[in-house]
């Protein structure tokens, strides 16, 4: 009986692929048409019909092909799968294979993680760029504040140092102290009157005692009056002329420009806002440090020589040293 058992098993084995092939031919379908409908290759479908299941990816896939093929032809899927198990000698318990139409592609977690990481990196770069821009803006604002002092120390012609607020109208007091110009009141002295009387006398008029005494005081204001302005203008000429070992910087303003001039000892010679059309001349011990809040609004000369501030300009401001 044991020897006859293999023969009985061989007799009961039926190739489900042959059953499916007959049903396909009865429907008038070609092998290529069925392969296209099942999304299989023609060779794989041919192996399925001939029973060459070992040439397919595996029994699990072959069982699924049998089920899908039976469903397409409207046949009993369970009985054909059972015949497949008997024919191949496999156990289908606990192996429920879905049809090919229900196979779902596994979720690609790696792509989702990559997208999340890329989005986080983009947000981080954007936030970092915004913070950097804010820092640069605050630093520029601090530089502008540091370049605009509230008070200016100016050394006058007599050696005294005066402090003037920048809101003083047109910096008049600063300019007067820097240039040394101040109104001088001149009173005629008796010697000046005598000299003035002697000037209009002709050389041939020797008999001077004939001149009456009364008209002499009346002639003094007419003669001394034009002399007083000339005497007051002499210090202005000496101030603008550079002394030996000193440097003189002159500026002509074509636009409103904040200006600061510092000498070699660190003393501020001038600091304030100059208006369009105004001029500035200061002298001091070189090197003279020059700061311009609007470099294009001023034309600079040093000791009578023009100076190009373009190489020392950053943005709208310029910083340079003269007389090094």
Protein backbone atom coordinates (compact mmCIF):
# COMPACT_ATOMS: atom_id res chain seq x y z
CA UNK A 1 0.00 0.00 0.00
CA UNK A 2 2.89 2.34 0.69
CA UNK A 3 4.28 1.81 -2.81
CA UNK A 4 0.94 2.59 -4.42
CA UNK A 5 0.46 5.89 -2.54
CA UNK A 6 2.73 7.98 -4.84
CA UNK A 7 0.90 6.72 -7.86
CA UNK A 8 -2.44 7.74 -6.35
CA UNK A 9 -1.11 11.20 -5.59
CA UNK A 10 0.27 11.57 -9.11
CA UNK A 11 -3.06 10.58 -10.57
CA UNK A 12 -4.93 13.15 -8.49
CA UNK A 13 -2.60 15.99 -9.44
CA UNK A 14 -4.10 18.30 -12.03
CA UNK A 15 -2.18 21.21 -13.55
CA UNK A 16 -4.37 24.29 -12.93
CA UNK A 17 -2.53 26.08 -15.72
CA UNK A 18 -3.86 23.62 -18.26
CA UNK A 19 -7.39 24.25 -17.01
CA UNK A 20 -6.89 27.98 -17.40
CA UNK A 21 -5.40 27.56 -20.90
CA UNK A 22 -8.45 25.64 -22.07
CA UNK A 23 -10.79 28.27 -20.66
CA UNK A 24 -8.78 31.02 -22.40
CA UNK A 25 -8.95 29.27 -25.75
CA UNK A 26 -12.69 28.70 -25.32
CA UNK A 27 -13.08 32.49 -24.88
CA UNK A 28 -11.02 33.10 -28.02
CA UNK A 29 -8.32 35.09 -26.22
CA UNK A 30 -4.72 34.98 -27.26
CA UNK A 31 -1.85 34.54 -24.85
CA UNK A 32 -0.68 38.10 -25.47
CA UNK A 33 -4.11 39.58 -24.75
CA UNK A 34 -4.38 37.80 -21.41
CA UNK A 35 -0.80 38.71 -20.50
CA UNK A 36 -1.61 42.37 -21.17
CA UNK A 37 -4.74 42.23 -19.01
CA UNK A 38 -2.91 40.52 -16.12
CA UNK A 39 0.09 42.86 -16.47
CA UNK A 40 2.38 39.88 -17.00
CA UNK A 41 4.90 38.98 -19.64
CA UNK A 42 3.99 36.44 -22.30
CA UNK A 43 6.74 34.09 -21.14
CA UNK A 44 5.53 34.15 -17.51
CA UNK A 45 1.98 33.40 -18.59
CA UNK A 46 3.24 30.54 -20.80
CA UNK A 47 5.13 29.02 -17.83
CA UNK A 48 1.97 29.33 -15.77
CA UNK A 49 -0.13 27.42 -18.31
CA UNK A 50 2.47 24.68 -18.88
CA UNK A 51 2.98 24.10 -15.16
CA UNK A 52 6.60 25.33 -15.10
CA UNK A 53 6.08 27.10 -11.80
CA UNK A 54 9.75 26.79 -10.84
CA UNK A 55 10.56 29.35 -13.55
CA UNK A 56 8.34 31.94 -11.89
CA UNK A 57 9.56 34.19 -9.02
CA UNK A 58 8.12 31.80 -6.41
CA UNK A 59 5.13 29.69 -5.43
CA UNK A 60 3.58 32.60 -3.56
CA UNK A 61 3.60 34.75 -6.70
CA UNK A 62 2.50 31.78 -8.84
CA UNK A 63 -0.45 31.18 -6.55
CA UNK A 64 -1.44 34.83 -6.92
CA UNK A 65 -1.13 34.57 -10.72
CA UNK A 66 -3.48 31.52 -10.64
CA UNK A 67 -6.02 33.43 -8.57
CA UNK A 68 -5.90 36.52 -10.82
CA UNK A 69 -6.09 34.38 -13.98
CA UNK A 70 -9.16 32.52 -12.62
CA UNK A 71 -10.84 35.76 -11.68
CA UNK A 72 -10.27 37.15 -15.17
CA UNK A 73 -11.88 34.08 -16.74
CA UNK A 74 -14.74 34.00 -14.20
CA UNK A 75 -13.71 30.63 -12.72
CA UNK A 76 -13.64 29.37 -9.13
CA UNK A 77 -10.48 30.87 -7.68
CA UNK A 78 -10.37 28.72 -4.52
CA UNK A 79 -10.59 25.40 -6.34
CA UNK A 80 -7.86 26.33 -8.82
CA UNK A 81 -5.57 27.52 -6.01
CA UNK A 82 -6.25 24.22 -4.20
CA UNK A 83 -5.30 22.33 -7.37
CA UNK A 84 -2.12 24.41 -7.56
CA UNK A 85 -1.23 23.44 -3.97
CA UNK A 86 -1.87 19.77 -4.71
CA UNK A 87 0.09 19.94 -7.96
CA UNK A 88 3.12 21.63 -6.43
CA UNK A 89 2.90 19.95 -3.03
CA UNK A 90 2.85 23.20 -1.11
CA UNK A 91 0.79 24.12 1.94
CA UNK A 92 -1.36 27.23 1.52
CA UNK A 93 -2.58 27.35 5.14
CA UNK A 94 -2.12 30.83 6.49
CA UNK A 95 -0.98 32.19 3.15
CA UNK A 96 -3.76 34.28 1.73
CA UNK A 97 -2.37 35.90 -1.38
CA UNK A 98 -4.31 38.87 -2.78
CA UNK A 99 -4.94 39.32 -6.44
CA UNK A 100 -2.51 41.41 -8.44
CA UNK A 101 -4.99 44.26 -8.69
CA UNK A 102 -4.95 44.75 -4.89
CA UNK A 103 -1.20 44.76 -4.39
CA UNK A 104 -0.27 48.14 -2.95
CA UNK A 105 3.09 49.77 -3.15
CA UNK A 106 4.71 50.10 0.30
CA UNK A 107 4.90 53.58 1.71
CA UNK A 108 8.31 55.11 1.13
CA UNK A 109 9.11 56.57 4.49
CA UNK A 110 12.56 57.71 3.38
CA UNK A 111 11.10 60.17 0.86
CA UNK A 112 8.83 61.72 3.51
CA UNK A 113 11.71 62.10 5.94
CA UNK A 114 13.86 63.67 3.23
CA UNK A 115 11.16 66.22 2.44
CA UNK A 116 10.72 67.12 6.11
CA UNK A 117 14.47 67.55 6.60
CA UNK A 118 14.74 69.71 3.45
CA UNK A 119 11.87 71.91 4.64
CA UNK A 120 13.48 72.34 8.07
CA UNK A 121 16.82 73.27 6.47
CA UNK A 122 15.08 75.84 4.26
CA UNK A 123 13.35 77.39 7.27
CA UNK A 124 16.63 77.49 9.21
CA UNK A 125 18.46 79.22 6.35
CA UNK A 126 15.66 81.78 5.97
CA UNK A 127 15.59 82.58 9.70
CA UNK A 128 19.39 82.82 9.81
CA UNK A 129 19.45 85.23 6.87
CA UNK A 130 16.80 87.42 8.50
CA UNK A 131 18.73 87.55 11.80
CA UNK A 132 21.94 88.44 9.96
CA UNK A 133 20.16 91.26 8.11
CA UNK A 134 18.79 92.62 11.41
CA UNK A 135 22.29 92.58 12.95
CA UNK A 136 23.78 94.43 9.99
CA UNK A 137 21.04 97.08 10.17
CA UNK A 138 21.57 97.63 13.91
CA UNK A 139 25.36 97.89 13.44
CA UNK A 140 24.93 100.54 10.74
CA UNK A 141 22.57 102.50 12.99
CA UNK A 142 25.13 102.40 15.83
CA UNK A 143 27.86 103.65 13.47
CA UNK A 144 25.68 106.59 12.43
CA UNK A 145 24.94 107.43 16.07
CA UNK A 146 28.63 107.28 16.98
CA UNK A 147 29.47 109.59 14.09
CA UNK A 148 27.00 112.23 15.33
CA UNK A 149 28.25 113.62 18.69
CA UNK A 150 25.98 115.82 20.73
CA UNK A 151 28.69 118.40 21.52
CA UNK A 152 31.80 119.71 19.79
CA UNK A 153 34.98 120.91 21.50
CA UNK A 154 36.58 123.78 19.57
CA UNK A 155 39.91 125.44 20.38
CA UNK A 156 39.81 129.18 19.85
CA UNK A 157 42.57 131.44 18.56
CA UNK A 158 43.45 132.49 22.11
CA UNK A 159 44.13 128.89 23.18
CA UNK A 160 40.87 128.36 25.09
CA UNK A 161 38.60 125.37 24.46
CA UNK A 162 34.88 125.93 24.05
CA UNK A 163 32.04 123.37 23.97
CA UNK A 164 29.12 124.06 21.63
CA UNK A 165 25.96 121.96 21.01
CA UNK A 166 25.36 120.79 17.46
CA UNK A 167 21.89 122.28 17.46
CA UNK A 168 23.35 125.79 17.60
CA UNK A 169 22.06 127.70 14.53
CA UNK A 170 24.40 127.11 11.59
CA UNK A 171 27.22 126.30 14.07
CA UNK A 172 28.02 130.01 14.09
CA UNK A 173 29.84 129.92 17.41
CA UNK A 174 31.93 126.91 16.30
CA UNK A 175 32.99 128.62 13.08
CA UNK A 176 33.91 131.86 14.88
CA UNK A 177 35.96 130.03 17.49
CA UNK A 178 37.75 127.84 14.88
CA UNK A 179 38.67 130.74 12.58
CA UNK A 180 39.46 133.21 15.41
CA UNK A 181 37.34 135.94 13.84
CA UNK A 182 35.55 138.19 16.32
CA UNK A 183 34.26 141.73 16.13
CA UNK A 184 36.90 144.21 17.33
CA UNK A 185 35.92 147.67 18.60
CA UNK A 186 38.56 150.24 17.75
CA UNK A 187 38.60 153.59 19.53
CA UNK A 188 40.76 156.39 18.11
CA UNK A 189 43.58 157.38 20.42
CA UNK A 190 45.04 160.88 20.60
CA UNK A 191 48.13 159.66 18.77
CA UNK A 192 45.90 158.29 15.99
CA UNK A 193 44.13 161.64 15.71
CA UNK A 194 47.40 163.47 15.42
CA UNK A 195 48.58 161.11 12.76
CA UNK A 196 45.33 161.41 10.88
CA UNK A 197 45.61 165.20 10.87
CA UNK A 198 49.13 165.06 9.53
CA UNK A 199 48.23 162.82 6.60
CA UNK A 200 46.12 165.27 4.52
CA UNK A 201 48.61 168.20 5.01
CA UNK A 202 50.50 169.01 1.82
CA UNK A 203 54.29 169.13 1.97
CA UNK A 204 54.35 172.84 0.99
CA UNK A 205 51.95 173.95 3.76
CA UNK A 206 54.57 174.56 6.42
CA UNK A 207 52.75 177.32 8.37
CA UNK A 208 50.53 174.81 10.29
CA UNK A 209 49.65 177.12 13.22
CA UNK A 210 47.09 178.88 11.01
CA UNK A 211 44.82 175.76 11.26
CA UNK A 212 41.97 176.45 13.72
CA UNK A 213 41.70 174.10 16.76
CA UNK A 214 37.94 173.61 16.60
CA UNK A 215 37.68 171.65 13.32
CA UNK A 216 40.30 169.10 14.46
CA UNK A 217 37.94 166.87 16.54
CA UNK A 218 35.38 166.90 13.71
CA UNK A 219 37.90 165.56 11.22
CA UNK A 220 38.88 162.61 13.44
CA UNK A 221 35.81 160.37 12.81
CA UNK A 222 35.96 160.93 9.05
CA UNK A 223 39.60 159.89 8.90
CA UNK A 224 39.60 157.03 11.47
CA UNK A 225 36.36 155.35 10.35
CA UNK A 226 37.75 153.60 7.25
CA UNK A 227 40.87 152.52 9.13
CA UNK A 228 39.00 150.47 11.78
CA UNK A 229 37.66 147.72 9.44
CA UNK A 230 41.07 147.27 7.87
CA UNK A 231 42.67 146.79 11.27
CA UNK A 232 39.98 144.25 12.26
CA UNK A 233 40.46 142.26 9.03
CA UNK A 234 44.18 141.63 9.65
CA UNK A 235 43.69 138.71 12.13
CA UNK A 236 41.37 136.92 9.65
CA UNK A 237 44.15 136.80 7.06
CA UNK A 238 46.67 135.39 9.51
CA UNK A 239 44.29 132.65 10.70
CA UNK A 240 43.55 131.17 7.26
CA UNK A 241 47.25 131.08 6.33
CA UNK A 242 48.81 127.73 7.48
CA UNK A 243 51.65 128.06 9.96
CA UNK A 244 54.88 126.13 9.41
CA UNK A 245 54.46 122.54 10.59
CA UNK A 246 50.65 122.86 10.47
CA UNK A 247 48.19 121.56 7.92
CA UNK A 248 45.18 123.36 6.52
CA UNK A 249 42.11 121.55 5.16
CA UNK A 250 39.49 123.45 3.17
CA UNK A 251 36.05 122.16 2.16
CA UNK A 252 33.43 123.51 -0.25
CA UNK A 253 29.97 122.03 0.21
CA UNK A 254 27.70 121.17 -2.71
CA UNK A 255 25.17 119.46 -0.42
CA UNK A 256 24.40 119.21 3.28
CA UNK A 257 27.19 117.18 4.90
CA UNK A 258 28.13 116.32 8.47
CA UNK A 259 31.87 116.97 8.97
CA UNK A 260 34.42 116.30 11.70
CA UNK A 261 38.10 117.34 11.63
CA UNK A 262 40.55 116.09 14.27
CA UNK A 263 44.23 117.02 14.52
CA UNK A 264 47.19 114.74 15.23
CA UNK A 265 46.78 115.10 19.00
CA UNK A 266 43.18 113.91 18.89
CA UNK A 267 41.66 117.33 19.41
CA UNK A 268 38.44 118.04 17.50
CA UNK A 269 38.99 121.13 15.37
CA UNK A 270 35.47 121.12 13.94
CA UNK A 271 32.42 118.92 14.13
CA UNK A 272 28.96 119.65 12.88
CA UNK A 273 26.58 119.89 9.96
CA UNK A 274 27.50 122.20 7.07
CA UNK A 275 24.89 123.38 4.59
CA UNK A 276 25.04 123.48 0.83
CA UNK A 277 27.04 126.48 -0.43
CA UNK A 278 29.05 126.93 2.77
CA UNK A 279 32.84 126.66 3.12
CA UNK A 280 35.11 125.45 5.91
CA UNK A 281 38.82 126.05 6.56
CA UNK A 282 40.63 124.72 9.63
CA UNK A 283 44.32 124.32 10.49
CA UNK A 284 45.96 121.95 12.94
CA UNK A 285 48.85 119.66 13.66
CA UNK A 286 48.97 116.88 11.04
CA UNK A 287 47.91 114.28 10.39
CA UNK A 288 44.37 115.66 10.22
CA UNK A 289 41.58 113.09 10.43
CA UNK A 290 38.58 113.95 8.25
CA UNK A 291 35.12 112.36 8.49
CA UNK A 292 32.36 113.12 6.02
CA UNK A 293 28.78 111.95 6.51
CA UNK A 294 27.95 112.52 2.81
CA UNK A 295 31.20 112.26 0.87
CA UNK A 296 29.73 113.39 -2.45
CA UNK A 297 28.56 116.67 -0.90
CA UNK A 298 32.03 118.12 -0.20
CA UNK A 299 35.11 119.07 -2.24
CA UNK A 300 38.28 118.72 -0.16
CA UNK A 301 41.67 120.44 -0.52
CA UNK A 302 44.71 120.06 1.76
CA UNK A 303 47.28 122.87 1.78
CA UNK A 304 45.81 124.10 -1.50
CA UNK A 305 45.95 120.67 -3.22
CA UNK A 306 42.69 118.88 -4.19
CA UNK A 307 42.04 115.57 -2.46
CA UNK A 308 40.08 112.68 -4.00
CA UNK A 309 37.92 111.09 -1.28
CA UNK A 310 36.51 108.33 -3.50
CA UNK A 311 39.12 105.68 -2.45
CA UNK A 312 38.23 106.31 1.21
CA UNK A 313 34.44 106.24 0.75
CA UNK A 314 32.29 103.40 2.09
CA UNK A 315 28.64 103.75 1.18
CA UNK A 316 27.93 107.47 1.67
CA UNK A 317 30.55 108.17 4.37
CA UNK A 318 34.28 108.77 4.04
CA UNK A 319 37.16 108.54 6.52
CA UNK A 320 40.69 109.67 5.63
CA UNK A 321 43.84 111.17 7.11
CA UNK A 322 45.61 114.16 5.55
CA UNK A 323 49.27 115.10 5.93
CA UNK A 324 50.62 111.68 6.89
